[in-house]
Every structure is written in C-alpha cells, then in structure tokens.
Protein backbone atom coordinates (compact mmCIF):
# COMPACT_ATOMS: atom_id res chain seq x y z
CA UNK A 1 0.00 0.00 0.00
CA UNK A 2 1.18 3.50 -0.77
CA UNK A 3 -0.05 6.83 0.57
CA UNK A 4 0.12 9.72 -1.87
CA UNK A 5 -1.08 13.30 -2.08
CA UNK A 6 -4.18 13.62 -4.23
CA UNK A 7 -4.32 15.87 -7.29
CA UNK A 8 -7.20 17.53 -9.12
CA UNK A 9 -7.50 14.40 -11.27
CA UNK A 10 -8.51 12.41 -8.17
CA UNK A 11 -11.70 14.34 -7.33
CA UNK A 12 -14.01 11.66 -8.80
CA UNK A 13 -12.33 8.84 -6.88
CA UNK A 14 -12.53 10.82 -3.63
CA UNK A 15 -16.21 11.61 -4.27
CA UNK A 16 -16.90 7.90 -4.83
CA UNK A 17 -15.17 6.90 -1.60
CA UNK A 18 -16.79 9.76 0.29
CA UNK A 19 -20.26 8.71 -0.85
CA UNK A 20 -20.32 5.67 1.44
CA UNK A 21 -19.39 7.85 4.40
CA UNK A 22 -22.01 10.41 3.35
CA UNK A 23 -24.68 7.68 3.12
CA UNK A 24 -23.95 6.54 6.66
CA UNK A 25 -24.13 10.10 7.99
CA UNK A 26 -27.35 10.79 6.08
CA UNK A 27 -28.97 7.61 7.43
CA UNK A 28 -28.13 8.61 10.99
CA UNK A 29 -28.77 12.35 10.72
CA UNK A 30 -30.99 13.18 7.72
CA UNK A 31 -31.78 16.49 9.40
CA UNK A 32 -28.14 17.50 8.99
CA UNK A 33 -26.67 15.55 6.05
CA UNK A 34 -27.93 15.45 2.48
CA UNK A 35 -28.18 12.16 0.55
CA UNK A 36 -24.93 11.11 -1.11
CA UNK A 37 -24.51 12.49 -4.62
CA UNK A 38 -21.12 11.74 -6.15
CA UNK A 39 -21.70 14.04 -9.13
CA UNK A 40 -22.12 17.15 -6.99
CA UNK A 41 -19.42 16.12 -4.50
CA UNK A 42 -16.80 16.05 -7.28
CA UNK A 43 -16.80 19.85 -7.49
CA UNK A 44 -16.50 20.10 -3.70
CA UNK A 45 -13.37 17.94 -3.78
CA UNK A 46 -11.96 19.90 -6.73
CA UNK A 47 -12.37 23.08 -4.67
CA UNK A 48 -10.72 21.47 -1.66
CA UNK A 49 -7.82 20.29 -3.81
CA UNK A 50 -7.27 23.90 -4.96
CA UNK A 51 -7.22 25.24 -1.39
CA UNK A 52 -3.59 25.70 -0.25
CA UNK A 53 -4.57 25.01 3.37
CA UNK A 54 -6.00 21.58 2.44
CA UNK A 55 -4.17 18.34 1.72
CA UNK A 56 -5.93 15.16 0.66
CA UNK A 57 -4.11 11.84 0.91
CA UNK A 58 -5.06 8.63 -0.87
CA UNK A 59 -4.23 5.10 0.23
CA UNK A 60 -3.72 2.86 -2.79
CA UNK A 61 -2.92 -0.71 -3.56
CA UNK A 62 -4.15 -1.95 -6.92
CA UNK A 63 -7.02 0.48 -6.39
CA UNK A 64 -7.83 3.37 -4.08
CA UNK A 65 -8.58 2.05 -0.60
CA UNK A 66 -9.17 5.23 1.37
CA UNK A 67 -8.72 8.96 1.67
CA UNK A 68 -8.29 11.66 4.26
CA UNK A 69 -8.83 15.42 4.05
CA UNK A 70 -6.77 17.61 6.38
CA UNK A 71 -6.77 21.37 6.74
CA UNK A 72 -4.25 23.69 8.37
CA UNK A 73 -5.72 26.39 10.62
CA UNK A 74 -3.73 29.29 12.06
CA UNK A 75 -5.22 30.30 15.38
CA UNK A 76 -4.18 33.87 16.19
CA UNK A 77 -2.91 34.96 19.56
CA UNK A 78 -5.52 36.69 21.70
CA UNK A 79 -5.98 37.73 25.32
CA UNK A 80 -7.84 34.43 25.82
CA UNK A 81 -5.71 31.90 23.95
CA UNK A 82 -2.30 31.24 22.47
CA UNK A 83 -1.45 31.40 18.80
CA UNK A 84 -0.98 27.97 17.32
CA UNK A 85 -1.11 25.95 14.16
CA UNK A 86 -3.81 23.29 14.22
CA UNK A 87 -4.25 20.45 11.74
CA UNK A 88 -7.90 19.46 11.35
CA UNK A 89 -8.83 16.01 10.14
CA UNK A 90 -11.94 17.02 8.20
CA UNK A 91 -12.89 13.73 6.50
CA UNK A 92 -11.60 10.19 6.47
CA UNK A 93 -12.99 7.21 4.63
CA UNK A 94 -11.86 3.67 3.95
CA UNK A 95 -13.59 1.41 1.43
CA UNK A 96 -15.67 -1.26 3.16
CA UNK A 97 -13.64 -4.11 1.69
CA UNK A 98 -10.38 -2.49 2.90
CA UNK A 99 -11.34 -1.93 6.52
CA UNK A 100 -9.38 -3.55 9.33
CA UNK A 101 -6.33 -3.92 7.08
CA UNK A 102 -4.30 -0.96 8.40
CA UNK A 103 -5.47 1.57 5.80
CA UNK A 104 -6.83 4.01 8.38
CA UNK A 105 -3.66 3.68 10.44
CA UNK A 106 -1.48 4.51 7.43
CA UNK A 107 -3.68 7.52 6.63
CA UNK A 108 -3.28 8.65 10.25
CA UNK A 109 0.50 8.34 9.84
CA UNK A 110 0.28 10.67 6.83
CA UNK A 111 -1.64 13.12 9.01
CA UNK A 112 1.06 12.94 11.67
CA UNK A 113 3.72 13.65 9.05
CA UNK A 114 1.72 16.62 7.76
CA UNK A 115 1.36 17.92 11.32
CA UNK A 116 5.16 17.79 11.66
CA UNK A 117 5.60 19.60 8.32
CA UNK A 118 3.40 22.52 9.38
CA UNK A 119 4.57 22.50 13.03
CA UNK A 120 1.03 21.87 14.26
CA UNK A 121 0.51 21.88 18.01
CA UNK A 122 -2.66 19.80 17.72
CA UNK A 123 -4.46 17.40 15.43
CA UNK A 124 -8.20 17.85 15.87
CA UNK A 125 -11.36 16.31 14.48
CA UNK A 126 -15.09 16.27 15.05
CA UNK A 127 -17.00 13.03 15.18
CA UNK A 128 -20.70 12.39 15.65
CA UNK A 129 -21.94 10.59 18.75
CA UNK A 130 -23.54 7.83 16.66
CA UNK A 131 -20.21 6.92 15.06
CA UNK A 132 -18.95 4.59 17.78
CA UNK A 133 -16.61 2.69 15.42
CA UNK A 134 -14.86 5.98 14.59
CA UNK A 135 -14.52 6.79 18.29
CA UNK A 136 -12.78 3.46 18.91
CA UNK A 137 -10.49 3.91 15.90
CA UNK A 138 -9.44 7.44 16.85
CA UNK A 139 -8.88 6.46 20.49
CA UNK A 140 -6.65 3.58 19.31
CA UNK A 141 -4.72 6.14 17.22
CA UNK A 142 -4.04 8.23 20.32
CA UNK A 143 -6.70 10.92 20.13
CA UNK A 144 -8.52 11.94 23.29
CA UNK A 145 -11.85 13.69 23.79
CA UNK A 146 -11.00 17.34 24.37
CA UNK A 147 -14.35 19.13 24.30
CA UNK A 148 -18.03 18.42 23.90
CA UNK A 149 -20.32 20.21 21.46
CA UNK A 150 -24.01 20.20 22.23
CA UNK A 151 -26.99 21.35 20.18
CA UNK A 152 -30.73 21.65 20.29
CA UNK A 153 -33.02 21.51 17.25
CA UNK A 154 -34.84 24.80 17.11
CA UNK A 155 -38.42 24.62 15.88
CA UNK A 156 -38.67 28.14 14.44
CA UNK A 157 -37.46 27.14 10.95
C-alpha cells in the first residue's frame, strides 16, 4: 500500500469513496446531512484540492482504498488563547472491503507527518456521537476527547 497526495485528477475517486461515508451520515442524521450524490461532490473535492490550506491523501494498492482530508488552521494569539497551528482532520474514509487492514492507520501516519511539516501543536477532528466505530479507531490512534459540542433543534425554521 502507498499513501500519496491527491491531485485535481482524483476528485471523482474521492467523491466515490466519500459517498459511502455520506450515506452513513445521512442515514443517521438526515436532518443534517444530504443524501450522497457523487456528481455534486466532485466539485466540492476539486475546490478542496485547490485550497492551499487543504491536503488530501489517498491510500492505494491496486485500487484506491481510502482517503483523508486535512486542513491547516492558524489560530491567532488573543488575550484568551495562544497562537498555534492546528491540523484538522476534516474527512476520512476507507472502502468497506479495505477496513481492518491498516489503511486508516497509514492515513493517520500521513496526518502525523503533515502535522510535523506545518509544526502543528494539535491534530483535531469532530466526530458524531452515533459513530462509535470511529470513536474506537481514533482512540486507538491516540486521540482523546477534548471538548463536547451540544446542540438543540430549534423549531422556528
């Protein structure tokens, strides 16, 4: 397996892999996530690939096994918090047939290398409460729960 940086030519492959993740999120939270639509997601991934703050990695063997989208954020210094570079894991997906074969771990290693490259002080991500498998995976990769985000559906819309 190799891990490589995606290019604009990879947007369709990323959209295809992302669709299975999107379907799962839509099934669990249809109030938040739209149904998967690879054709419209392609342009989203093209835009992300053009963003200099974003890096997308692909895990490949004979075919593409998984992807990860990471974004560099520069948090400015303020009276309330320190300036720091943060690397956000925005999306990660591994093809169903490639799960539990180390693909996610290798993608996480690419994230760690990117964090070193940009001198990030933290790697962060957001994961939904329903995604218990993701929680276990990220905990095994060394991530800890750092904050809790809460919401309430508001009936006025």
